[in-house]
PDB file of N, CA and C in Angstrom:
ATOM      1  N   UNK A   1     -27.059  -0.972   9.969  1.00  0.00           N
ATOM      2  CA  UNK A   1     -28.254  -1.427   9.245  1.00  0.00           C
ATOM      3  C   UNK A   1     -28.998  -0.215   8.760  1.00  0.00           C
ATOM      4  N   UNK A   2     -29.371  -0.272   7.438  1.00  0.00           N
ATOM      5  CA  UNK A   2     -30.199   0.780   6.890  1.00  0.00           C
ATOM      6  C   UNK A   2     -31.535   0.903   7.668  1.00  0.00           C
ATOM      7  N   UNK A   3     -32.155   2.109   7.506  1.00  0.00           N
ATOM      8  CA  UNK A   3     -33.466   2.257   8.215  1.00  0.00           C
ATOM      9  C   UNK A   3     -34.457   1.259   7.573  1.00  0.00           C
ATOM     10  N   UNK A   4     -34.446   1.302   6.250  1.00  0.00           N
ATOM     11  CA  UNK A   4     -35.373   0.315   5.459  1.00  0.00           C
ATOM     12  C   UNK A   4     -35.286  -1.226   5.971  1.00  0.00           C
ATOM     13  N   UNK A   5     -34.109  -1.460   6.112  1.00  0.00           N
ATOM     14  CA  UNK A   5     -33.829  -2.988   6.547  1.00  0.00           C
ATOM     15  C   UNK A   5     -34.269  -3.216   7.977  1.00  0.00           C
ATOM     16  N   UNK A   6     -34.087  -2.143   8.854  1.00  0.00           N
ATOM     17  CA  UNK A   6     -34.530  -2.208  10.225  1.00  0.00           C
ATOM     18  C   UNK A   6     -36.142  -2.343  10.254  1.00  0.00           C
ATOM     19  N   UNK A   7     -36.772  -1.551   9.377  1.00  0.00           N
ATOM     20  CA  UNK A   7     -38.197  -1.617   9.317  1.00  0.00           C
ATOM     21  C   UNK A   7     -38.669  -2.953   8.907  1.00  0.00           C
ATOM     22  N   UNK A   8     -38.024  -3.483   7.900  1.00  0.00           N
ATOM     23  CA  UNK A   8     -38.339  -4.856   7.334  1.00  0.00           C
ATOM     24  C   UNK A   8     -38.086  -5.948   8.488  1.00  0.00           C
ATOM     25  N   UNK A   9     -37.100  -5.831   9.251  1.00  0.00           N
ATOM     26  CA  UNK A   9     -36.865  -6.842  10.272  1.00  0.00           C
ATOM     27  C   UNK A   9     -37.898  -6.770  11.467  1.00  0.00           C
ATOM     28  N   UNK A  10     -38.082  -5.505  11.783  1.00  0.00           N
ATOM     29  CA  UNK A  10     -39.108  -5.329  12.836  1.00  0.00           C
ATOM     30  C   UNK A  10     -40.515  -5.839  12.312  1.00  0.00           C
ATOM     31  N   UNK A  11     -40.867  -5.642  11.069  1.00  0.00           N
ATOM     32  CA  UNK A  11     -42.123  -6.127  10.581  1.00  0.00           C
ATOM     33  C   UNK A  11     -42.134  -7.701  10.597  1.00  0.00           C
ATOM     34  N   UNK A  12     -41.075  -8.357  10.432  1.00  0.00           N
ATOM     35  CA  UNK A  12     -41.008  -9.830  10.417  1.00  0.00           C
ATOM     36  C   UNK A  12     -41.181 -10.258  11.825  1.00  0.00           C
ATOM     37  N   UNK A  13     -40.535  -9.614  12.791  1.00  0.00           N
ATOM     38  CA  UNK A  13     -40.859  -9.958  14.201  1.00  0.00           C
ATOM     39  C   UNK A  13     -42.276  -9.825  14.552  1.00  0.00           C
ATOM     40  N   UNK A  14     -42.891  -8.715  14.163  1.00  0.00           N
ATOM     41  CA  UNK A  14     -44.380  -8.478  14.358  1.00  0.00           C
ATOM     42  C   UNK A  14     -45.160  -9.654  13.662  1.00  0.00           C
ATOM     43  N   UNK A  15     -44.787  -9.935  12.482  1.00  0.00           N
ATOM     44  CA  UNK A  15     -45.561 -11.007  11.826  1.00  0.00           C
ATOM     45  C   UNK A  15     -45.381 -12.332  12.466  1.00  0.00           C
ATOM     46  N   UNK A  16     -44.228 -12.760  12.813  1.00  0.00           N
ATOM     47  CA  UNK A  16     -43.960 -13.966  13.487  1.00  0.00           C
ATOM     48  C   UNK A  16     -44.680 -14.133  14.756  1.00  0.00           C
ATOM     49  N   UNK A  17     -44.714 -12.992  15.626  1.00  0.00           N
ATOM     50  CA  UNK A  17     -45.403 -12.907  16.827  1.00  0.00           C
ATOM     51  C   UNK A  17     -46.890 -13.129  16.541  1.00  0.00           C
ATOM     52  N   UNK A  18     -47.494 -12.522  15.512  1.00  0.00           N
ATOM     53  CA  UNK A  18     -48.917 -12.692  15.158  1.00  0.00           C
ATOM     54  C   UNK A  18     -49.172 -14.079  14.849  1.00  0.00           C
ATOM     55  N   UNK A  19     -48.255 -14.802  14.054  1.00  0.00           N
ATOM     56  CA  UNK A  19     -48.566 -16.243  13.826  1.00  0.00           C
ATOM     57  C   UNK A  19     -48.453 -17.097  15.012  1.00  0.00           C
ATOM     58  N   UNK A  20     -47.585 -16.909  15.934  1.00  0.00           N
ATOM     59  CA  UNK A  20     -47.418 -17.673  17.152  1.00  0.00           C
ATOM     60  C   UNK A  20     -48.660 -17.489  18.030  1.00  0.00           C
ATOM     61  N   UNK A  21     -49.197 -16.195  18.085  1.00  0.00           N
ATOM     62  CA  UNK A  21     -50.372 -15.926  18.907  1.00  0.00           C
ATOM     63  C   UNK A  21     -51.547 -16.580  18.286  1.00  0.00           C
ATOM     64  N   UNK A  22     -51.583 -16.845  17.032  1.00  0.00           N
ATOM     65  CA  UNK A  22     -52.722 -17.508  16.310  1.00  0.00           C
ATOM     66  C   UNK A  22     -52.585 -19.017  16.464  1.00  0.00           C
ATOM     67  N   UNK A  23     -51.547 -19.523  17.200  1.00  0.00           N
ATOM     68  CA  UNK A  23     -51.330 -20.895  17.388  1.00  0.00           C
ATOM     69  C   UNK A  23     -50.453 -21.714  16.393  1.00  0.00           C
ATOM     70  N   UNK A  24     -49.861 -20.917  15.577  1.00  0.00           N
ATOM     71  CA  UNK A  24     -48.909 -21.601  14.497  1.00  0.00           C
ATOM     72  C   UNK A  24     -47.659 -21.950  15.099  1.00  0.00           C
ATOM     73  N   UNK A  25     -46.977 -22.913  14.441  1.00  0.00           N
ATOM     74  CA  UNK A  25     -45.573 -23.300  14.868  1.00  0.00           C
ATOM     75  C   UNK A  25     -44.575 -22.791  13.856  1.00  0.00           C
ATOM     76  N   UNK A  26     -43.812 -21.762  14.242  1.00  0.00           N
ATOM     77  CA  UNK A  26     -42.914 -21.198  13.346  1.00  0.00           C
ATOM     78  C   UNK A  26     -41.646 -22.124  13.336  1.00  0.00           C
ATOM     79  N   UNK A  27     -41.357 -22.630  12.005  1.00  0.00           N
ATOM     80  CA  UNK A  27     -40.249 -23.549  11.822  1.00  0.00           C
ATOM     81  C   UNK A  27     -38.936 -22.890  11.535  1.00  0.00           C
ATOM     82  N   UNK A  28     -39.058 -21.763  10.761  1.00  0.00           N
ATOM     83  CA  UNK A  28     -37.811 -21.165  10.207  1.00  0.00           C
ATOM     84  C   UNK A  28     -38.066 -19.762   9.997  1.00  0.00           C
ATOM     85  N   UNK A  29     -37.117 -18.841  10.048  1.00  0.00           N
ATOM     86  CA  UNK A  29     -37.154 -17.440   9.762  1.00  0.00           C
ATOM     87  C   UNK A  29     -35.924 -17.026   8.970  1.00  0.00           C
ATOM     88  N   UNK A  30     -36.160 -16.305   7.880  1.00  0.00           N
ATOM     89  CA  UNK A  30     -35.039 -15.782   7.039  1.00  0.00           C
ATOM     90  C   UNK A  30     -34.268 -16.938   6.520  1.00  0.00           C
ATOM     91  N   UNK A  31     -34.905 -17.919   5.994  1.00  0.00           N
ATOM     92  CA  UNK A  31     -34.165 -19.032   5.324  1.00  0.00           C
ATOM     93  C   UNK A  31     -33.711 -18.632   3.973  1.00  0.00           C
ATOM     94  N   UNK A  32     -32.539 -18.857   3.708  1.00  0.00           N
ATOM     95  CA  UNK A  32     -31.961 -18.487   2.328  1.00  0.00           C
ATOM     96  C   UNK A  32     -31.721 -19.718   1.563  1.00  0.00           C
ATOM     97  N   UNK A  33     -32.219 -19.731   0.328  1.00  0.00           N
ATOM     98  CA  UNK A  33     -32.081 -20.799  -0.743  1.00  0.00           C
ATOM     99  C   UNK A  33     -31.444 -20.213  -1.877  1.00  0.00           C
ATOM    100  N   UNK A  34     -31.447 -20.987  -2.899  1.00  0.00           N
ATOM    101  CA  UNK A  34     -30.959 -20.564  -4.239  1.00  0.00           C
ATOM    102  C   UNK A  34     -31.893 -19.510  -4.844  1.00  0.00           C
ATOM    103  N   UNK A  35     -31.528 -18.295  -4.841  1.00  0.00           N
ATOM    104  CA  UNK A  35     -32.440 -17.379  -5.576  1.00  0.00           C
ATOM    105  C   UNK A  35     -33.327 -16.571  -4.684  1.00  0.00           C
ATOM    106  N   UNK A  36     -33.069 -16.628  -3.345  1.00  0.00           N
ATOM    107  CA  UNK A  36     -33.980 -15.775  -2.483  1.00  0.00           C
ATOM    108  C   UNK A  36     -33.989 -16.284  -1.123  1.00  0.00           C
ATOM    109  N   UNK A  37     -34.983 -15.667  -0.408  1.00  0.00           N
ATOM    110  CA  UNK A  37     -35.223 -15.891   1.016  1.00  0.00           C
ATOM    111  C   UNK A  37     -36.687 -16.053   1.321  1.00  0.00           C
ATOM    112  N   UNK A  38     -36.944 -17.060   2.230  1.00  0.00           N
ATOM    113  CA  UNK A  38     -38.359 -17.071   2.824  1.00  0.00           C
ATOM    114  C   UNK A  38     -38.296 -16.425   4.274  1.00  0.00           C
ATOM    115  N   UNK A  39     -39.275 -15.522   4.335  1.00  0.00           N
ATOM    116  CA  UNK A  39     -39.224 -14.662   5.542  1.00  0.00           C
ATOM    117  C   UNK A  39     -39.599 -15.587   6.729  1.00  0.00           C
ATOM    118  N   UNK A  40     -40.719 -16.358   6.621  1.00  0.00           N
ATOM    119  CA  UNK A  40     -41.058 -17.197   7.717  1.00  0.00           C
ATOM    120  C   UNK A  40     -41.649 -18.529   6.994  1.00  0.00           C
ATOM    121  N   UNK A  41     -41.328 -19.652   7.692  1.00  0.00           N
ATOM    122  CA  UNK A  41     -41.918 -20.893   7.255  1.00  0.00           C
ATOM    123  C   UNK A  41     -42.525 -21.420   8.577  1.00  0.00           C
ATOM    124  N   UNK A  42     -43.852 -21.780   8.454  1.00  0.00           N
ATOM    125  CA  UNK A  42     -44.658 -22.205   9.597  1.00  0.00           C
ATOM    126  C   UNK A  42     -45.643 -23.286   9.367  1.00  0.00           C
ATOM    127  N   UNK A  43     -45.968 -24.004  10.373  1.00  0.00           N
ATOM    128  CA  UNK A  43     -47.126 -24.933  10.239  1.00  0.00           C
ATOM    129  C   UNK A  43     -48.363 -24.279  10.768  1.00  0.00           C
ATOM    130  N   UNK A  44     -49.371 -24.347   9.990  1.00  0.00           N
ATOM    131  CA  UNK A  44     -50.834 -23.975  10.382  1.00  0.00           C
ATOM    132  C   UNK A  44     -51.541 -25.240  10.440  1.00  0.00           C
ATOM    133  N   UNK A  45     -51.515 -25.930  11.639  1.00  0.00           N
ATOM    134  CA  UNK A  45     -52.047 -27.199  11.769  1.00  0.00           C
ATOM    135  C   UNK A  45     -51.102 -28.118  10.992  1.00  0.00           C
ATOM    136  N   UNK A  46     -51.652 -28.860  10.064  1.00  0.00           N
ATOM    137  CA  UNK A  46     -50.873 -29.771   9.188  1.00  0.00           C
ATOM    138  C   UNK A  46     -50.629 -29.153   7.861  1.00  0.00           C
ATOM    139  N   UNK A  47     -50.676 -27.856   7.709  1.00  0.00           N
ATOM    140  CA  UNK A  47     -50.463 -27.196   6.488  1.00  0.00           C
ATOM    141  C   UNK A  47     -49.098 -26.354   6.567  1.00  0.00           C
ATOM    142  N   UNK A  48     -48.108 -26.716   5.657  1.00  0.00           N
ATOM    143  CA  UNK A  48     -46.921 -25.905   5.674  1.00  0.00           C
ATOM    144  C   UNK A  48     -47.168 -24.531   4.939  1.00  0.00           C
ATOM    145  N   UNK A  49     -46.881 -23.441   5.539  1.00  0.00           N
ATOM    146  CA  UNK A  49     -46.967 -22.152   4.904  1.00  0.00           C
ATOM    147  C   UNK A  49     -45.737 -21.406   4.838  1.00  0.00           C
ATOM    148  N   UNK A  50     -45.436 -20.957   3.690  1.00  0.00           N
ATOM    149  CA  UNK A  50     -44.377 -19.915   3.467  1.00  0.00           C
ATOM    150  C   UNK A  50     -45.011 -18.653   3.482  1.00  0.00           C
ATOM    151  N   UNK A  51     -44.462 -17.754   4.371  1.00  0.00           N
ATOM    152  CA  UNK A  51     -45.163 -16.457   4.638  1.00  0.00           C
ATOM    153  C   UNK A  51     -44.103 -15.386   4.161  1.00  0.00           C
ATOM    154  N   UNK A  52     -44.656 -14.563   3.295  1.00  0.00           N
ATOM    155  CA  UNK A  52     -43.912 -13.303   2.803  1.00  0.00           C
ATOM    156  C   UNK A  52     -44.353 -12.233   3.643  1.00  0.00           C
ATOM    157  N   UNK A  53     -43.475 -11.505   4.237  1.00  0.00           N
ATOM    158  CA  UNK A  53     -43.856 -10.404   5.063  1.00  0.00           C
ATOM    159  C   UNK A  53     -43.465  -9.111   4.318  1.00  0.00           C
ATOM    160  N   UNK A  54     -44.450  -8.270   4.256  1.00  0.00           N
ATOM    161  CA  UNK A  54     -44.115  -6.876   3.602  1.00  0.00           C
ATOM    162  C   UNK A  54     -44.501  -5.824   4.632  1.00  0.00           C
ATOM    163  N   UNK A  55     -43.581  -4.946   4.868  1.00  0.00           N
ATOM    164  CA  UNK A  55     -43.739  -3.884   5.903  1.00  0.00           C
ATOM    165  C   UNK A  55     -43.544  -2.528   5.321  1.00  0.00           C
ATOM    166  N   UNK A  56     -44.396  -1.565   5.725  1.00  0.00           N
ATOM    167  CA  UNK A  56     -44.318  -0.290   5.310  1.00  0.00           C
ATOM    168  C   UNK A  56     -44.610   0.736   6.454  1.00  0.00           C
ATOM    169  N   UNK A  57     -44.139   1.930   6.445  1.00  0.00           N
ATOM    170  CA  UNK A  57     -44.414   2.906   7.394  1.00  0.00           C
ATOM    171  C   UNK A  57     -45.797   3.548   7.256  1.00  0.00           C
ATOM    172  N   UNK A  58     -46.391   3.348   6.100  1.00  0.00           N
ATOM    173  CA  UNK A  58     -47.649   3.977   5.706  1.00  0.00           C
ATOM    174  C   UNK A  58     -48.172   3.407   4.422  1.00  0.00           C
ATOM    175  N   UNK A  59     -49.256   3.888   3.949  1.00  0.00           N
ATOM    176  CA  UNK A  59     -49.844   3.463   2.794  1.00  0.00           C
ATOM    177  C   UNK A  59     -49.828   4.422   1.576  1.00  0.00           C
ATOM    178  N   UNK A  60     -49.018   5.409   1.804  1.00  0.00           N
ATOM    179  CA  UNK A  60     -49.071   6.546   0.747  1.00  0.00           C
ATOM    180  C   UNK A  60     -48.538   5.957  -0.618  1.00  0.00           C
ATOM    181  N   UNK A  61     -47.724   4.948  -0.538  1.00  0.00           N
ATOM    182  CA  UNK A  61     -47.284   4.365  -1.789  1.00  0.00           C
ATOM    183  C   UNK A  61     -47.927   3.108  -2.046  1.00  0.00           C
ATOM    184  N   UNK A  62     -49.130   2.806  -1.481  1.00  0.00           N
ATOM    185  CA  UNK A  62     -49.835   1.574  -1.702  1.00  0.00           C
ATOM    186  C   UNK A  62     -49.797   0.616  -0.448  1.00  0.00           C
ATOM    187  N   UNK A  63     -50.634  -0.273  -0.436  1.00  0.00           N
ATOM    188  CA  UNK A  63     -50.710  -1.359   0.539  1.00  0.00           C
ATOM    189  C   UNK A  63     -49.479  -2.159   0.511  1.00  0.00           C
ATOM    190  N   UNK A  64     -48.815  -2.622   1.622  1.00  0.00           N
ATOM    191  CA  UNK A  64     -47.691  -3.422   1.473  1.00  0.00           C
ATOM    192  C   UNK A  64     -47.857  -4.707   0.722  1.00  0.00           C
ATOM    193  N   UNK A  65     -48.950  -5.330   0.710  1.00  0.00           N
ATOM    194  CA  UNK A  65     -49.226  -6.596   0.006  1.00  0.00           C
ATOM    195  C   UNK A  65     -49.187  -6.429  -1.477  1.00  0.00           C
ATOM    196  N   UNK A  66     -49.333  -5.237  -2.004  1.00  0.00           N
ATOM    197  CA  UNK A  66     -49.278  -4.893  -3.349  1.00  0.00           C
ATOM    198  C   UNK A  66     -47.841  -5.064  -3.962  1.00  0.00           C
ATOM    199  N   UNK A  67     -46.812  -5.223  -3.041  1.00  0.00           N
ATOM    200  CA  UNK A  67     -45.503  -5.454  -3.563  1.00  0.00           C
ATOM    201  C   UNK A  67     -45.277  -6.847  -3.934  1.00  0.00           C
ATOM    202  N   UNK A  68     -46.233  -7.694  -3.646  1.00  0.00           N
ATOM    203  CA  UNK A  68     -46.093  -9.079  -3.924  1.00  0.00           C
ATOM    204  C   UNK A  68     -46.698  -9.334  -5.381  1.00  0.00           C
ATOM    205  N   UNK A  69     -45.705  -9.518  -6.283  1.00  0.00           N
ATOM    206  CA  UNK A  69     -46.142  -9.695  -7.672  1.00  0.00           C
ATOM    207  C   UNK A  69     -46.194 -11.119  -8.064  1.00  0.00           C
ATOM    208  N   UNK A  70     -46.775 -11.421  -9.324  1.00  0.00           N
ATOM    209  CA  UNK A  70     -46.704 -12.828  -9.808  1.00  0.00           C
ATOM    210  C   UNK A  70     -45.322 -13.340  -9.819  1.00  0.00           C
ATOM    211  N   UNK A  71     -44.415 -12.494 -10.242  1.00  0.00           N
ATOM    212  CA  UNK A  71     -43.034 -12.939 -10.353  1.00  0.00           C
ATOM    213  C   UNK A  71     -42.422 -13.358  -8.895  1.00  0.00           C
ATOM    214  N   UNK A  72     -42.706 -12.557  -7.892  1.00  0.00           N
ATOM    215  CA  UNK A  72     -42.332 -12.829  -6.488  1.00  0.00           C
ATOM    216  C   UNK A  72     -43.070 -14.155  -6.088  1.00  0.00           C
ATOM    217  N   UNK A  73     -44.269 -14.387  -6.369  1.00  0.00           N
ATOM    218  CA  UNK A  73     -45.039 -15.596  -5.925  1.00  0.00           C
ATOM    219  C   UNK A  73     -44.313 -16.807  -6.518  1.00  0.00           C
ATOM    220  N   UNK A  74     -43.858 -16.726  -7.829  1.00  0.00           N
ATOM    221  CA  UNK A  74     -43.312 -17.801  -8.494  1.00  0.00           C
ATOM    222  C   UNK A  74     -41.918 -18.106  -7.729  1.00  0.00           C
ATOM    223  N   UNK A  75     -41.210 -17.111  -7.456  1.00  0.00           N
ATOM    224  CA  UNK A  75     -39.993 -17.329  -6.633  1.00  0.00           C
ATOM    225  C   UNK A  75     -40.117 -17.903  -5.347  1.00  0.00           C
ATOM    226  N   UNK A  76     -41.320 -17.501  -4.594  1.00  0.00           N
ATOM    227  CA  UNK A  76     -41.558 -18.068  -3.304  1.00  0.00           C
ATOM    228  C   UNK A  76     -41.995 -19.589  -3.490  1.00  0.00           C
ATOM    229  N   UNK A  77     -42.632 -19.834  -4.515  1.00  0.00           N
ATOM    230  CA  UNK A  77     -42.986 -21.416  -4.727  1.00  0.00           C
ATOM    231  C   UNK A  77     -41.715 -22.183  -4.937  1.00  0.00           C
ATOM    232  N   UNK A  78     -40.773 -21.650  -5.843  1.00  0.00           N
ATOM    233  CA  UNK A  78     -39.518 -22.359  -5.874  1.00  0.00           C
ATOM    234  C   UNK A  78     -38.762 -22.600  -4.689  1.00  0.00           C
ATOM    235  N   UNK A  79     -38.728 -21.453  -3.917  1.00  0.00           N
ATOM    236  CA  UNK A  79     -37.954 -21.506  -2.652  1.00  0.00           C
ATOM    237  C   UNK A  79     -38.581 -22.499  -1.649  1.00  0.00           C
ATOM    238  N   UNK A  80     -39.968 -22.478  -1.687  1.00  0.00           N
ATOM    239  CA  UNK A  80     -40.722 -23.406  -0.736  1.00  0.00           C
ATOM    240  C   UNK A  80     -40.378 -24.856  -1.122  1.00  0.00           C
ATOM    241  N   UNK A  81     -40.280 -25.099  -2.412  1.00  0.00           N
ATOM    242  CA  UNK A  81     -39.815 -26.464  -2.791  1.00  0.00           C
ATOM    243  C   UNK A  81     -38.428 -26.837  -2.284  1.00  0.00           C
ATOM    244  N   UNK A  82     -37.525 -25.818  -2.393  1.00  0.00           N
ATOM    245  CA  UNK A  82     -36.167 -26.092  -1.890  1.00  0.00           C
ATOM    246  C   UNK A  82     -36.178 -26.385  -0.449  1.00  0.00           C
ATOM    247  N   UNK A  83     -36.960 -25.540   0.333  1.00  0.00           N
ATOM    248  CA  UNK A  83     -37.129 -25.654   1.794  1.00  0.00           C
ATOM    249  C   UNK A  83     -37.570 -27.028   2.102  1.00  0.00           C
ATOM    250  N   UNK A  84     -38.623 -27.474   1.359  1.00  0.00           N
ATOM    251  CA  UNK A  84     -39.160 -28.910   1.648  1.00  0.00           C
ATOM    252  C   UNK A  84     -38.077 -29.932   1.328  1.00  0.00           C
ATOM    253  N   UNK A  85     -37.337 -29.758   0.295  1.00  0.00           N
ATOM    254  CA  UNK A  85     -36.210 -30.769  -0.028  1.00  0.00           C
ATOM    255  C   UNK A  85     -35.181 -30.843   1.047  1.00  0.00           C
ATOM    256  N   UNK A  86     -34.872 -29.686   1.717  1.00  0.00           N
ATOM    257  CA  UNK A  86     -33.894 -29.625   2.693  1.00  0.00           C
ATOM    258  C   UNK A  86     -34.404 -30.023   4.152  1.00  0.00           C
ATOM    259  N   UNK A  87     -35.665 -30.232   4.415  1.00  0.00           N
ATOM    260  CA  UNK A  87     -36.182 -30.316   5.736  1.00  0.00           C
ATOM    261  C   UNK A  87     -37.037 -31.716   5.676  1.00  0.00           C
ATOM    262  N   UNK A  88     -37.020 -32.349   6.767  1.00  0.00           N
ATOM    263  CA  UNK A  88     -37.860 -33.530   7.031  1.00  0.00           C
ATOM    264  C   UNK A  88     -39.165 -33.105   7.709  1.00  0.00           C
ATOM    265  N   UNK A  89     -40.101 -32.593   6.962  1.00  0.00           N
ATOM    266  CA  UNK A  89     -41.338 -32.039   7.549  1.00  0.00           C
ATOM    267  C   UNK A  89     -42.464 -32.672   6.659  1.00  0.00           C
ATOM    268  N   UNK A  90     -43.370 -33.238   7.333  1.00  0.00           N
ATOM    269  CA  UNK A  90     -44.613 -33.867   6.629  1.00  0.00           C
ATOM    270  C   UNK A  90     -45.725 -32.912   6.772  1.00  0.00           C
ATOM    271  N   UNK A  91     -46.341 -32.448   5.615  1.00  0.00           N
ATOM    272  CA  UNK A  91     -47.470 -31.711   5.705  1.00  0.00           C
ATOM    273  C   UNK A  91     -48.565 -32.140   4.711  1.00  0.00           C
ATOM    274  N   UNK A  92     -49.821 -31.944   5.073  1.00  0.00           N
ATOM    275  CA  UNK A  92     -51.004 -32.338   4.225  1.00  0.00           C
ATOM    276  C   UNK A  92     -50.984 -31.608   2.897  1.00  0.00           C
ATOM    277  N   UNK A  93     -50.642 -30.325   3.126  1.00  0.00           N
ATOM    278  CA  UNK A  93     -50.611 -29.357   1.892  1.00  0.00           C
ATOM    279  C   UNK A  93     -49.599 -28.287   2.178  1.00  0.00           C
ATOM    280  N   UNK A  94     -49.388 -27.451   1.093  1.00  0.00           N
ATOM    281  CA  UNK A  94     -48.513 -26.360   1.185  1.00  0.00           C
ATOM    282  C   UNK A  94     -49.177 -25.042   0.586  1.00  0.00           C
ATOM    283  N   UNK A  95     -48.994 -23.904   1.238  1.00  0.00           N
ATOM    284  CA  UNK A  95     -49.573 -22.689   0.604  1.00  0.00           C
ATOM    285  C   UNK A  95     -48.618 -21.507   0.970  1.00  0.00           C
ATOM    286  N   UNK A  96     -49.026 -20.354   0.196  1.00  0.00           N
ATOM    287  CA  UNK A  96     -48.086 -19.186   0.438  1.00  0.00           C
ATOM    288  C   UNK A  96     -49.138 -18.113   0.951  1.00  0.00           C
ATOM    289  N   UNK A  97     -48.745 -17.518   2.061  1.00  0.00           N
ATOM    290  CA  UNK A  97     -49.466 -16.421   2.734  1.00  0.00           C
ATOM    291  C   UNK A  97     -48.679 -15.176   2.589  1.00  0.00           C
ATOM    292  N   UNK A  98     -49.305 -14.022   2.781  1.00  0.00           N
ATOM    293  CA  UNK A  98     -48.744 -12.691   2.825  1.00  0.00           C
ATOM    294  C   UNK A  98     -49.153 -12.140   4.174  1.00  0.00           C
ATOM    295  N   UNK A  99     -48.213 -11.539   4.958  1.00  0.00           N
ATOM    296  CA  UNK A  99     -48.554 -10.746   6.163  1.00  0.00           C
ATOM    297  C   UNK A  99     -48.070  -9.383   5.812  1.00  0.00           C
ATOM    298  N   UNK A 100     -49.015  -8.440   5.819  1.00  0.00           N
ATOM    299  CA  UNK A 100     -48.749  -7.097   5.487  1.00  0.00           C
ATOM    300  C   UNK A 100     -48.741  -6.237   6.937  1.00  0.00           C
ATOM    301  N   UNK A 101     -47.638  -5.548   7.124  1.00  0.00           N
ATOM    302  CA  UNK A 101     -47.541  -4.841   8.420  1.00  0.00           C
ATOM    303  C   UNK A 101     -47.345  -3.333   8.048  1.00  0.00           C
ATOM    304  N   UNK A 102     -48.187  -2.495   8.574  1.00  0.00           N
ATOM    305  CA  UNK A 102     -48.151  -1.050   8.436  1.00  0.00           C
ATOM    306  C   UNK A 102     -47.791  -0.473   9.834  1.00  0.00           C
ATOM    307  N   UNK A 103     -46.770   0.302   9.791  1.00  0.00           N
ATOM    308  CA  UNK A 103     -46.320   0.892  11.110  1.00  0.00           C
ATOM    309  C   UNK A 103     -46.637   2.375  11.095  1.00  0.00           C
ATOM    310  N   UNK A 104     -47.760   2.761  11.730  1.00  0.00           N
ATOM    311  CA  UNK A 104     -48.042   4.137  11.708  1.00  0.00           C
ATOM    312  C   UNK A 104     -47.208   5.043  12.591  1.00  0.00           C
ATOM    313  N   UNK A 105     -47.221   6.293  12.441  1.00  0.00           N
ATOM    314  CA  UNK A 105     -46.426   7.118  13.296  1.00  0.00           C
ATOM    315  C   UNK A 105     -46.684   7.021  14.747  1.00  0.00           C
ATOM    316  N   UNK A 106     -47.973   6.761  15.122  1.00  0.00           N
ATOM    317  CA  UNK A 106     -48.234   6.521  16.548  1.00  0.00           C
ATOM    318  C   UNK A 106     -49.198   5.273  16.592  1.00  0.00           C
ATOM    319  N   UNK A 107     -49.087   4.547  17.696  1.00  0.00           N
ATOM    320  CA  UNK A 107     -49.859   3.479  17.874  1.00  0.00           C
ATOM    321  C   UNK A 107     -49.277   2.125  17.471  1.00  0.00           C
ATOM    322  N   UNK A 108     -50.065   1.132  17.590  1.00  0.00           N
ATOM    323  CA  UNK A 108     -49.511  -0.256  17.417  1.00  0.00           C
ATOM    324  C   UNK A 108     -49.527  -0.545  15.897  1.00  0.00           C
ATOM    325  N   UNK A 109     -48.608  -1.527  15.565  1.00  0.00           N
ATOM    326  CA  UNK A 109     -48.594  -1.975  14.126  1.00  0.00           C
ATOM    327  C   UNK A 109     -49.829  -2.555  13.724  1.00  0.00           C
ATOM    328  N   UNK A 110     -50.242  -2.308  12.520  1.00  0.00           N
ATOM    329  CA  UNK A 110     -51.479  -2.942  11.881  1.00  0.00           C
ATOM    330  C   UNK A 110     -51.066  -4.189  11.043  1.00  0.00           C
ATOM    331  N   UNK A 111     -51.545  -5.260  11.409  1.00  0.00           N
ATOM    332  CA  UNK A 111     -51.275  -6.487  10.685  1.00  0.00           C
ATOM    333  C   UNK A 111     -52.428  -6.941   9.946  1.00  0.00           C
ATOM    334  N   UNK A 112     -52.222  -7.336   8.668  1.00  0.00           N
ATOM    335  CA  UNK A 112     -53.272  -7.957   7.869  1.00  0.00           C
ATOM    336  C   UNK A 112     -52.599  -9.306   7.159  1.00  0.00           C
ATOM    337  N   UNK A 113     -53.379 -10.345   7.437  1.00  0.00           N
ATOM    338  CA  UNK A 113     -52.899 -11.675   7.005  1.00  0.00           C
ATOM    339  C   UNK A 113     -53.720 -12.135   5.916  1.00  0.00           C
ATOM    340  N   UNK A 114     -53.078 -12.309   4.766  1.00  0.00           N
ATOM    341  CA  UNK A 114     -53.727 -12.679   3.556  1.00  0.00           C
ATOM    342  C   UNK A 114     -53.432 -14.191   3.319  1.00  0.00           C
ATOM    343  N   UNK A 115     -54.448 -15.065   3.334  1.00  0.00           N
ATOM    344  CA  UNK A 115     -54.273 -16.517   3.314  1.00  0.00           C
ATOM    345  C   UNK A 115     -54.309 -17.003   1.880  1.00  0.00           C
ATOM    346  N   UNK A 116     -53.336 -17.856   1.525  1.00  0.00           N
ATOM    347  CA  UNK A 116     -53.455 -18.584   0.190  1.00  0.00           C
ATOM    348  C   UNK A 116     -53.408 -17.636  -0.980  1.00  0.00           C
ATOM    349  N   UNK A 117     -52.355 -16.763  -0.982  1.00  0.00           N
ATOM    350  CA  UNK A 117     -52.190 -15.775  -2.065  1.00  0.00           C
ATOM    351  C   UNK A 117     -51.827 -16.396  -3.337  1.00  0.00           C
ATOM    352  N   UNK A 118     -52.520 -15.911  -4.448  1.00  0.00           N
ATOM    353  CA  UNK A 118     -52.182 -16.538  -5.780  1.00  0.00           C
ATOM    354  C   UNK A 118     -52.102 -15.384  -6.794  1.00  0.00           C
ATOM    355  N   UNK A 119     -51.559 -15.564  -7.905  1.00  0.00           N
ATOM    356  CA  UNK A 119     -51.304 -14.634  -8.851  1.00  0.00           C
ATOM    357  C   UNK A 119     -52.502 -14.595  -9.863  1.00  0.00           C
TER     358      UNK A 119
END
């Protein structure tokens, strides 16, 4: 596994743990559909949330959440629709969140959860 991939997978673990600690029910991780992948699918109460996780080792090249473009959000919306069509889950509403994880050289991961991201 490439170092970049390992960083991404670690960030996804950190994000999933963050969501579980917040009381969310993680339904799926790394779900692949036509045209991409959903990092985490979870229930925040009765709201289905597709969570895009972005992880970086620092912010020298910008905040991790800046990597989520309008094009990426459109892809996430399509994938969330595919996920819903494939699963028997009832939700009051659906939204897309971003969890940004920064892994400093020393210390714990820094997690920032952006709720209801839009372009």
